[in-house]
Amino acid sequence: GDFETVTLHSALLAARHIHECDAVLVCQGPGNAGTGTKYGFSGIAQAQHLDIVKALGGTPIAIVRMSDSDPRERHLGISHHSQTALDMTYARCIAPIPEGADSALLPRGHDIREIADTDKPLALLKQLGIIAASMGRTPADDPIFFQAAAAAGLSASEI
């Protein structure tokens, strides 16, 4: 890119003040590391990222990891990863989920929002010829996984 930053803090500030961005999506990249313990996974950094957004005056919106087809039980419904990260953050976050999804496992203290029409962004991707996939699964294989990401994007568009 045209700008380089050293930390997530400076990257968010550059996005806001240099590029005049209204929203920035910060998420985990592919290739997570984990130890099989509650706190031993690289995605726990989401808690810190949400705190940084809040500390810089932004609105933290958590992308809730959900699945209806992951073969690992701890990832079915709302993943233990999202539960732990939201439990560990100090920031009060918007935690959007697809309309009708069960939010019972999300830690209290956050603004849990049910978002309608989460299939529309996925239909747009398909229309544009963009192939979405994660962990070898597509929206047809695990719709709620992609609908949860769409819910976060739709929430950001409302701020």
N, C-alpha and C. Protein backbone atom coordinates (compact mmCIF):
# COMPACT_ATOMS: atom_id res chain seq x y z
N GLY A 1 0.81 -1.19 0.00
CA GLY A 1 0.00 0.00 0.00
C GLY A 1 0.85 1.25 0.00
N ASP A 2 0.19 2.34 0.04
CA ASP A 2 0.87 3.64 0.04
C ASP A 2 1.39 4.03 1.41
N PHE A 3 0.86 3.41 2.47
CA PHE A 3 1.26 3.75 3.84
C PHE A 3 1.64 2.50 4.58
N GLU A 4 2.61 2.63 5.46
CA GLU A 4 3.01 1.52 6.32
C GLU A 4 2.80 1.95 7.75
N THR A 5 2.38 0.99 8.58
CA THR A 5 2.20 1.27 9.99
C THR A 5 2.91 0.19 10.79
N VAL A 6 3.09 0.45 12.06
CA VAL A 6 3.83 -0.48 12.91
C VAL A 6 2.89 -1.32 13.77
N THR A 7 1.77 -0.72 14.18
CA THR A 7 0.85 -1.42 15.07
C THR A 7 -0.57 -1.35 14.52
N LEU A 8 -1.44 -2.14 15.10
CA LEU A 8 -2.86 -2.04 14.75
C LEU A 8 -3.38 -0.64 15.09
N HIS A 9 -2.90 -0.09 16.20
CA HIS A 9 -3.31 1.26 16.60
C HIS A 9 -3.04 2.26 15.47
N SER A 10 -1.80 2.28 15.00
CA SER A 10 -1.44 3.26 13.97
C SER A 10 -2.11 2.94 12.63
N ALA A 11 -2.36 1.68 12.36
CA ALA A 11 -3.06 1.31 11.13
C ALA A 11 -4.50 1.84 11.15
N LEU A 12 -5.18 1.69 12.29
CA LEU A 12 -6.55 2.18 12.40
C LEU A 12 -6.59 3.70 12.32
N LEU A 13 -5.64 4.36 12.97
CA LEU A 13 -5.60 5.82 12.91
C LEU A 13 -5.31 6.31 11.49
N ALA A 14 -4.42 5.64 10.78
CA ALA A 14 -4.13 6.02 9.40
C ALA A 14 -5.37 5.81 8.52
N ALA A 15 -6.06 4.70 8.73
CA ALA A 15 -7.27 4.44 7.94
C ALA A 15 -8.30 5.55 8.16
N ARG A 16 -8.45 5.96 9.39
CA ARG A 16 -9.47 6.97 9.72
C ARG A 16 -9.05 8.37 9.27
N HIS A 17 -7.84 8.77 9.60
CA HIS A 17 -7.45 10.17 9.41
C HIS A 17 -6.78 10.46 8.07
N ILE A 18 -6.14 9.49 7.48
CA ILE A 18 -5.50 9.71 6.18
C ILE A 18 -6.45 9.31 5.05
N HIS A 19 -7.07 8.15 5.19
CA HIS A 19 -7.94 7.63 4.13
C HIS A 19 -9.41 7.94 4.36
N GLU A 20 -9.74 8.54 5.51
CA GLU A 20 -11.11 8.91 5.86
C GLU A 20 -12.07 7.73 5.79
N CYS A 21 -11.61 6.57 6.23
CA CYS A 21 -12.44 5.37 6.24
C CYS A 21 -13.55 5.50 7.29
N ASP A 22 -14.71 5.02 6.95
CA ASP A 22 -15.83 4.98 7.89
C ASP A 22 -15.83 3.68 8.68
N ALA A 23 -15.28 2.63 8.10
CA ALA A 23 -15.27 1.33 8.77
C ALA A 23 -14.02 0.57 8.36
N VAL A 24 -13.49 -0.18 9.29
CA VAL A 24 -12.33 -1.03 9.04
C VAL A 24 -12.65 -2.40 9.61
N LEU A 25 -12.50 -3.44 8.81
CA LEU A 25 -12.72 -4.79 9.31
C LEU A 25 -11.38 -5.38 9.70
N VAL A 26 -11.27 -5.78 10.95
CA VAL A 26 -10.06 -6.42 11.47
C VAL A 26 -10.47 -7.84 11.86
N CYS A 27 -9.85 -8.81 11.25
CA CYS A 27 -10.23 -10.19 11.56
C CYS A 27 -8.99 -11.08 11.53
N GLN A 28 -9.19 -12.29 11.96
CA GLN A 28 -8.10 -13.26 11.95
C GLN A 28 -7.78 -13.64 10.51
N GLY A 29 -6.54 -13.91 10.29
CA GLY A 29 -6.14 -14.43 8.99
C GLY A 29 -6.24 -15.94 9.00
N PRO A 30 -5.98 -16.55 7.89
CA PRO A 30 -6.00 -18.02 7.85
C PRO A 30 -4.82 -18.58 8.65
N GLY A 31 -4.99 -19.75 9.15
CA GLY A 31 -3.90 -20.43 9.85
C GLY A 31 -3.82 -20.09 11.31
N ASN A 32 -4.81 -20.45 12.08
CA ASN A 32 -4.80 -20.21 13.52
C ASN A 32 -4.01 -21.30 14.23
N ALA A 33 -3.44 -20.91 15.34
CA ALA A 33 -2.73 -21.88 16.18
C ALA A 33 -3.55 -22.09 17.44
N GLY A 34 -3.56 -23.31 17.94
CA GLY A 34 -4.31 -23.59 19.15
C GLY A 34 -3.71 -24.74 19.93
N THR A 35 -3.99 -24.73 21.23
CA THR A 35 -3.47 -25.77 22.11
C THR A 35 -4.57 -26.70 22.63
N GLY A 36 -5.82 -26.42 22.25
CA GLY A 36 -6.92 -27.22 22.75
C GLY A 36 -7.37 -26.80 24.14
N THR A 37 -6.86 -25.65 24.62
CA THR A 37 -7.26 -25.13 25.93
C THR A 37 -8.09 -23.86 25.73
N LYS A 38 -8.79 -23.43 26.76
CA LYS A 38 -9.68 -22.29 26.65
C LYS A 38 -8.98 -21.03 26.17
N TYR A 39 -7.81 -20.73 26.70
CA TYR A 39 -7.13 -19.49 26.37
C TYR A 39 -5.95 -19.67 25.42
N GLY A 40 -5.68 -20.87 24.99
CA GLY A 40 -4.51 -21.15 24.17
C GLY A 40 -4.81 -21.22 22.68
N PHE A 41 -5.32 -20.12 22.12
CA PHE A 41 -5.54 -20.08 20.67
C PHE A 41 -5.26 -18.67 20.17
N SER A 42 -4.72 -18.58 18.98
CA SER A 42 -4.28 -17.28 18.47
C SER A 42 -5.43 -16.31 18.24
N GLY A 43 -6.63 -16.82 18.02
CA GLY A 43 -7.78 -15.95 17.78
C GLY A 43 -8.23 -15.17 18.99
N ILE A 44 -7.68 -15.46 20.14
CA ILE A 44 -8.04 -14.69 21.35
C ILE A 44 -7.60 -13.24 21.20
N ALA A 45 -6.72 -12.98 20.24
CA ALA A 45 -6.30 -11.60 19.97
C ALA A 45 -7.48 -10.72 19.56
N GLN A 46 -8.59 -11.33 19.14
CA GLN A 46 -9.78 -10.53 18.80
C GLN A 46 -10.18 -9.65 19.99
N ALA A 47 -10.05 -10.16 21.22
CA ALA A 47 -10.40 -9.36 22.40
C ALA A 47 -9.58 -8.08 22.44
N GLN A 48 -8.28 -8.20 22.24
CA GLN A 48 -7.40 -7.03 22.24
C GLN A 48 -7.74 -6.08 21.10
N HIS A 49 -8.03 -6.62 19.93
CA HIS A 49 -8.37 -5.78 18.78
C HIS A 49 -9.63 -4.97 19.06
N LEU A 50 -10.63 -5.60 19.67
CA LEU A 50 -11.86 -4.89 20.02
C LEU A 50 -11.58 -3.78 21.04
N ASP A 51 -10.70 -4.07 22.01
CA ASP A 51 -10.33 -3.06 23.00
C ASP A 51 -9.62 -1.87 22.34
N ILE A 52 -8.75 -2.14 21.39
CA ILE A 52 -8.02 -1.08 20.69
C ILE A 52 -8.99 -0.18 19.94
N VAL A 53 -9.94 -0.78 19.25
CA VAL A 53 -10.94 0.02 18.51
C VAL A 53 -11.66 0.96 19.48
N LYS A 54 -12.10 0.43 20.61
CA LYS A 54 -12.81 1.25 21.60
C LYS A 54 -11.90 2.35 22.15
N ALA A 55 -10.66 2.01 22.48
CA ALA A 55 -9.72 2.98 23.05
C ALA A 55 -9.45 4.13 22.08
N LEU A 56 -9.52 3.87 20.79
CA LEU A 56 -9.28 4.90 19.79
C LEU A 56 -10.55 5.65 19.40
N GLY A 57 -11.65 5.36 20.08
CA GLY A 57 -12.89 6.10 19.83
C GLY A 57 -13.79 5.48 18.78
N GLY A 58 -13.48 4.27 18.34
CA GLY A 58 -14.30 3.61 17.35
C GLY A 58 -15.40 2.78 17.98
N THR A 59 -16.19 2.16 17.15
CA THR A 59 -17.26 1.27 17.60
C THR A 59 -16.84 -0.16 17.32
N PRO A 60 -16.53 -0.93 18.35
CA PRO A 60 -16.09 -2.31 18.12
C PRO A 60 -17.27 -3.22 17.76
N ILE A 61 -17.15 -3.88 16.63
CA ILE A 61 -18.15 -4.84 16.17
C ILE A 61 -17.44 -6.18 16.05
N ALA A 62 -17.88 -7.14 16.83
CA ALA A 62 -17.26 -8.47 16.80
C ALA A 62 -17.84 -9.30 15.67
N ILE A 63 -16.99 -9.95 14.93
CA ILE A 63 -17.45 -10.94 13.95
C ILE A 63 -17.55 -12.25 14.73
N VAL A 64 -18.78 -12.71 14.92
CA VAL A 64 -19.03 -13.90 15.73
C VAL A 64 -18.82 -15.13 14.85
N ARG A 65 -17.97 -16.03 15.31
CA ARG A 65 -17.72 -17.27 14.57
C ARG A 65 -18.82 -18.26 14.91
N MET A 66 -19.53 -18.70 13.88
CA MET A 66 -20.63 -19.65 14.04
C MET A 66 -20.52 -20.72 12.96
N SER A 67 -21.06 -21.88 13.24
CA SER A 67 -21.07 -22.95 12.25
C SER A 67 -22.19 -23.93 12.55
N ASP A 68 -22.75 -24.45 11.49
CA ASP A 68 -23.71 -25.56 11.60
C ASP A 68 -23.14 -26.84 11.02
N SER A 69 -21.90 -26.77 10.50
CA SER A 69 -21.37 -27.98 9.85
C SER A 69 -19.92 -28.30 10.20
N ASP A 70 -19.31 -27.53 11.11
CA ASP A 70 -17.95 -27.84 11.52
C ASP A 70 -17.96 -29.20 12.23
N PRO A 71 -17.06 -30.08 11.89
CA PRO A 71 -17.07 -31.41 12.52
C PRO A 71 -16.68 -31.39 14.01
N ARG A 72 -16.13 -30.27 14.47
CA ARG A 72 -15.72 -30.17 15.88
C ARG A 72 -16.86 -29.56 16.69
N GLU A 73 -17.31 -30.27 17.69
CA GLU A 73 -18.47 -29.84 18.48
C GLU A 73 -18.29 -28.46 19.11
N ARG A 74 -17.06 -28.13 19.52
CA ARG A 74 -16.83 -26.86 20.19
C ARG A 74 -17.01 -25.66 19.26
N HIS A 75 -17.13 -25.92 17.95
CA HIS A 75 -17.33 -24.84 16.99
C HIS A 75 -18.76 -24.79 16.46
N LEU A 76 -19.60 -25.71 16.87
CA LEU A 76 -20.98 -25.70 16.40
C LEU A 76 -21.78 -24.62 17.12
N GLY A 77 -22.69 -24.00 16.40
CA GLY A 77 -23.39 -22.84 16.96
C GLY A 77 -22.39 -21.71 17.08
N ILE A 78 -22.39 -21.04 18.21
CA ILE A 78 -21.40 -19.99 18.46
C ILE A 78 -20.14 -20.66 18.99
N SER A 79 -19.05 -20.47 18.28
CA SER A 79 -17.78 -21.11 18.62
C SER A 79 -17.28 -20.66 19.99
N HIS A 80 -16.61 -21.58 20.65
CA HIS A 80 -15.97 -21.23 21.92
C HIS A 80 -14.95 -20.11 21.73
N HIS A 81 -14.41 -19.97 20.53
CA HIS A 81 -13.46 -18.88 20.27
C HIS A 81 -14.14 -17.52 20.45
N SER A 82 -15.31 -17.35 19.86
CA SER A 82 -16.03 -16.08 20.01
C SER A 82 -16.48 -15.87 21.45
N GLN A 83 -16.93 -16.92 22.08
CA GLN A 83 -17.36 -16.80 23.48
C GLN A 83 -16.20 -16.30 24.34
N THR A 84 -15.04 -16.89 24.18
CA THR A 84 -13.88 -16.53 25.01
C THR A 84 -13.39 -15.12 24.69
N ALA A 85 -13.26 -14.78 23.41
CA ALA A 85 -12.78 -13.45 23.05
C ALA A 85 -13.72 -12.36 23.57
N LEU A 86 -15.02 -12.57 23.44
CA LEU A 86 -15.97 -11.57 23.92
C LEU A 86 -16.00 -11.52 25.44
N ASP A 87 -15.70 -12.62 26.08
CA ASP A 87 -15.62 -12.63 27.54
C ASP A 87 -14.36 -11.90 28.02
N MET A 88 -13.30 -11.91 27.23
CA MET A 88 -12.01 -11.33 27.63
C MET A 88 -11.87 -9.84 27.29
N THR A 89 -12.69 -9.31 26.40
CA THR A 89 -12.55 -7.91 26.04
C THR A 89 -13.15 -7.01 27.12
N TYR A 90 -12.53 -5.86 27.32
CA TYR A 90 -13.06 -4.87 28.24
C TYR A 90 -14.12 -4.01 27.55
N ALA A 91 -14.05 -3.94 26.23
CA ALA A 91 -14.95 -3.08 25.47
C ALA A 91 -16.35 -3.69 25.40
N ARG A 92 -17.34 -2.83 25.47
CA ARG A 92 -18.71 -3.26 25.18
C ARG A 92 -18.81 -3.23 23.65
N CYS A 93 -19.11 -4.37 23.06
CA CYS A 93 -19.09 -4.52 21.61
C CYS A 93 -20.48 -4.74 21.06
N ILE A 94 -20.64 -4.40 19.80
CA ILE A 94 -21.79 -4.87 19.05
C ILE A 94 -21.44 -6.29 18.61
N ALA A 95 -22.34 -7.21 18.89
CA ALA A 95 -22.13 -8.62 18.52
C ALA A 95 -23.30 -9.04 17.63
N PRO A 96 -23.19 -8.78 16.32
CA PRO A 96 -24.29 -9.10 15.42
C PRO A 96 -24.32 -10.59 15.07
N ILE A 97 -25.51 -11.12 14.99
CA ILE A 97 -25.70 -12.50 14.57
C ILE A 97 -26.85 -12.54 13.57
N PRO A 98 -26.89 -13.56 12.73
CA PRO A 98 -28.01 -13.66 11.79
C PRO A 98 -29.34 -13.79 12.52
N GLU A 99 -30.36 -13.17 11.97
CA GLU A 99 -31.69 -13.23 12.57
C GLU A 99 -32.11 -14.68 12.79
N GLY A 100 -32.61 -14.96 13.98
CA GLY A 100 -33.07 -16.29 14.32
C GLY A 100 -32.00 -17.20 14.92
N ALA A 101 -30.73 -16.77 14.89
CA ALA A 101 -29.66 -17.58 15.47
C ALA A 101 -29.74 -17.51 16.99
N ASP A 102 -29.28 -18.55 17.64
CA ASP A 102 -29.32 -18.62 19.10
C ASP A 102 -28.14 -17.86 19.68
N SER A 103 -28.42 -16.82 20.47
CA SER A 103 -27.37 -16.01 21.06
C SER A 103 -27.07 -16.37 22.50
N ALA A 104 -27.67 -17.44 23.00
CA ALA A 104 -27.56 -17.77 24.43
C ALA A 104 -26.12 -17.96 24.91
N LEU A 105 -25.22 -18.38 24.04
CA LEU A 105 -23.85 -18.63 24.46
C LEU A 105 -22.95 -17.40 24.42
N LEU A 106 -23.46 -16.28 23.93
CA LEU A 106 -22.66 -15.06 23.91
C LEU A 106 -22.62 -14.46 25.31
N PRO A 107 -21.44 -14.01 25.75
CA PRO A 107 -21.34 -13.38 27.06
C PRO A 107 -22.23 -12.14 27.15
N ARG A 108 -22.85 -11.93 28.27
CA ARG A 108 -23.68 -10.75 28.48
C ARG A 108 -22.79 -9.52 28.60
N GLY A 109 -23.40 -8.36 28.47
CA GLY A 109 -22.64 -7.12 28.57
C GLY A 109 -22.31 -6.53 27.21
N HIS A 110 -22.67 -7.24 26.16
CA HIS A 110 -22.46 -6.73 24.80
C HIS A 110 -23.81 -6.42 24.17
N ASP A 111 -23.79 -5.67 23.11
CA ASP A 111 -25.00 -5.29 22.39
C ASP A 111 -25.24 -6.35 21.30
N ILE A 112 -26.00 -7.37 21.65
CA ILE A 112 -26.27 -8.46 20.72
C ILE A 112 -27.41 -8.02 19.80
N ARG A 113 -27.15 -8.07 18.51
CA ARG A 113 -28.15 -7.63 17.52
C ARG A 113 -28.42 -8.75 16.52
N GLU A 114 -29.70 -9.02 16.31
CA GLU A 114 -30.10 -9.95 15.25
C GLU A 114 -30.23 -9.16 13.96
N ILE A 115 -29.55 -9.61 12.94
CA ILE A 115 -29.50 -8.89 11.67
C ILE A 115 -30.23 -9.69 10.59
N ALA A 116 -31.17 -9.04 9.94
CA ALA A 116 -31.94 -9.67 8.86
C ALA A 116 -31.19 -9.55 7.54
N ASP A 117 -31.62 -10.31 6.58
CA ASP A 117 -31.13 -10.23 5.20
C ASP A 117 -29.64 -10.52 5.04
N THR A 118 -29.10 -11.41 5.86
CA THR A 118 -27.68 -11.73 5.76
C THR A 118 -27.36 -12.57 4.53
N ASP A 119 -28.38 -13.04 3.82
CA ASP A 119 -28.13 -13.76 2.57
C ASP A 119 -27.86 -12.81 1.40
N LYS A 120 -28.30 -11.57 1.51
CA LYS A 120 -28.12 -10.62 0.40
C LYS A 120 -26.66 -10.38 0.04
N PRO A 121 -25.77 -10.12 1.03
CA PRO A 121 -24.36 -9.94 0.66
C PRO A 121 -23.76 -11.21 0.03
N LEU A 122 -24.20 -12.37 0.47
CA LEU A 122 -23.69 -13.62 -0.10
C LEU A 122 -24.17 -13.80 -1.53
N ALA A 123 -25.42 -13.41 -1.80
CA ALA A 123 -25.94 -13.47 -3.17
C ALA A 123 -25.18 -12.50 -4.07
N LEU A 124 -24.81 -11.34 -3.54
CA LEU A 124 -24.05 -10.37 -4.32
C LEU A 124 -22.67 -10.92 -4.67
N LEU A 125 -22.01 -11.56 -3.72
CA LEU A 125 -20.72 -12.19 -4.02
C LEU A 125 -20.85 -13.18 -5.16
N LYS A 126 -21.87 -14.01 -5.06
CA LYS A 126 -22.10 -15.03 -6.11
C LYS A 126 -22.36 -14.37 -7.46
N GLN A 127 -23.18 -13.32 -7.45
CA GLN A 127 -23.50 -12.61 -8.68
C GLN A 127 -22.25 -12.01 -9.31
N LEU A 128 -21.32 -11.55 -8.47
CA LEU A 128 -20.08 -10.95 -8.97
C LEU A 128 -19.01 -11.98 -9.32
N GLY A 129 -19.33 -13.25 -9.11
CA GLY A 129 -18.38 -14.30 -9.43
C GLY A 129 -17.28 -14.48 -8.39
N ILE A 130 -17.51 -13.94 -7.18
CA ILE A 130 -16.53 -14.07 -6.11
C ILE A 130 -16.83 -15.34 -5.33
N ILE A 131 -15.86 -16.22 -5.26
CA ILE A 131 -16.04 -17.49 -4.57
C ILE A 131 -15.60 -17.34 -3.13
N ALA A 132 -16.55 -17.45 -2.22
CA ALA A 132 -16.24 -17.37 -0.79
C ALA A 132 -16.07 -18.78 -0.25
N ALA A 133 -15.01 -18.97 0.52
CA ALA A 133 -14.77 -20.27 1.14
C ALA A 133 -13.94 -20.07 2.40
N SER A 134 -14.17 -20.91 3.38
CA SER A 134 -13.38 -20.91 4.60
C SER A 134 -13.29 -22.33 5.11
N MET A 135 -12.11 -22.77 5.40
CA MET A 135 -11.86 -24.12 5.89
C MET A 135 -12.45 -25.17 4.94
N GLY A 136 -12.38 -24.85 3.64
CA GLY A 136 -12.86 -25.75 2.62
C GLY A 136 -14.37 -25.76 2.44
N ARG A 137 -15.07 -24.88 3.16
CA ARG A 137 -16.53 -24.84 3.06
C ARG A 137 -16.98 -23.54 2.40
N THR A 138 -18.06 -23.64 1.65
CA THR A 138 -18.65 -22.49 0.96
C THR A 138 -19.94 -22.09 1.68
N PRO A 139 -20.55 -20.98 1.29
CA PRO A 139 -21.84 -20.61 1.89
C PRO A 139 -22.90 -21.71 1.76
N ALA A 140 -22.85 -22.50 0.71
CA ALA A 140 -23.81 -23.60 0.57
C ALA A 140 -23.54 -24.70 1.58
N ASP A 141 -22.28 -24.88 1.96
CA ASP A 141 -21.91 -25.93 2.92
C ASP A 141 -22.17 -25.53 4.37
N ASP A 142 -22.00 -24.27 4.70
CA ASP A 142 -22.10 -23.80 6.08
C ASP A 142 -22.64 -22.37 6.08
N PRO A 143 -23.93 -22.22 5.73
CA PRO A 143 -24.48 -20.87 5.55
C PRO A 143 -24.29 -19.94 6.74
N ILE A 144 -24.50 -20.43 7.95
CA ILE A 144 -24.47 -19.52 9.11
C ILE A 144 -23.08 -18.93 9.35
N PHE A 145 -22.04 -19.65 8.97
CA PHE A 145 -20.67 -19.12 9.11
C PHE A 145 -20.55 -17.81 8.31
N PHE A 146 -21.01 -17.85 7.08
CA PHE A 146 -20.90 -16.69 6.19
C PHE A 146 -21.96 -15.64 6.53
N GLN A 147 -23.13 -16.07 6.97
CA GLN A 147 -24.17 -15.12 7.37
C GLN A 147 -23.71 -14.31 8.59
N ALA A 148 -22.97 -14.94 9.51
CA ALA A 148 -22.47 -14.21 10.68
C ALA A 148 -21.49 -13.13 10.26
N ALA A 149 -20.62 -13.42 9.31
CA ALA A 149 -19.69 -12.40 8.79
C ALA A 149 -20.47 -11.29 8.09
N ALA A 150 -21.49 -11.68 7.33
CA ALA A 150 -22.33 -10.68 6.66
C ALA A 150 -23.05 -9.80 7.68
N ALA A 151 -23.48 -10.39 8.80
CA ALA A 151 -24.16 -9.63 9.85
C ALA A 151 -23.23 -8.54 10.40
N ALA A 152 -21.97 -8.85 10.56
CA ALA A 152 -21.00 -7.86 11.04
C ALA A 152 -20.84 -6.73 10.02
N GLY A 153 -20.72 -7.08 8.76
CA GLY A 153 -20.60 -6.06 7.72
C GLY A 153 -21.83 -5.18 7.61
N LEU A 154 -22.99 -5.80 7.70
CA LEU A 154 -24.23 -5.02 7.64
C LEU A 154 -24.35 -4.10 8.85
N SER A 155 -23.91 -4.57 10.01
CA SER A 155 -23.92 -3.72 11.21
C SER A 155 -23.02 -2.52 11.04
N ALA A 156 -21.85 -2.74 10.46
CA ALA A 156 -20.91 -1.64 10.24
C ALA A 156 -21.51 -0.60 9.29
N SER A 157 -22.29 -1.06 8.32
CA SER A 157 -22.88 -0.13 7.35
C SER A 157 -23.95 0.75 7.97
N GLU A 158 -24.45 0.37 9.14
CA GLU A 158 -25.51 1.15 9.81
C GLU A 158 -24.94 2.21 10.76
N ILE A 159 -23.65 2.21 10.98
CA ILE A 159 -23.07 3.16 11.94
C ILE A 159 -22.71 4.46 11.25
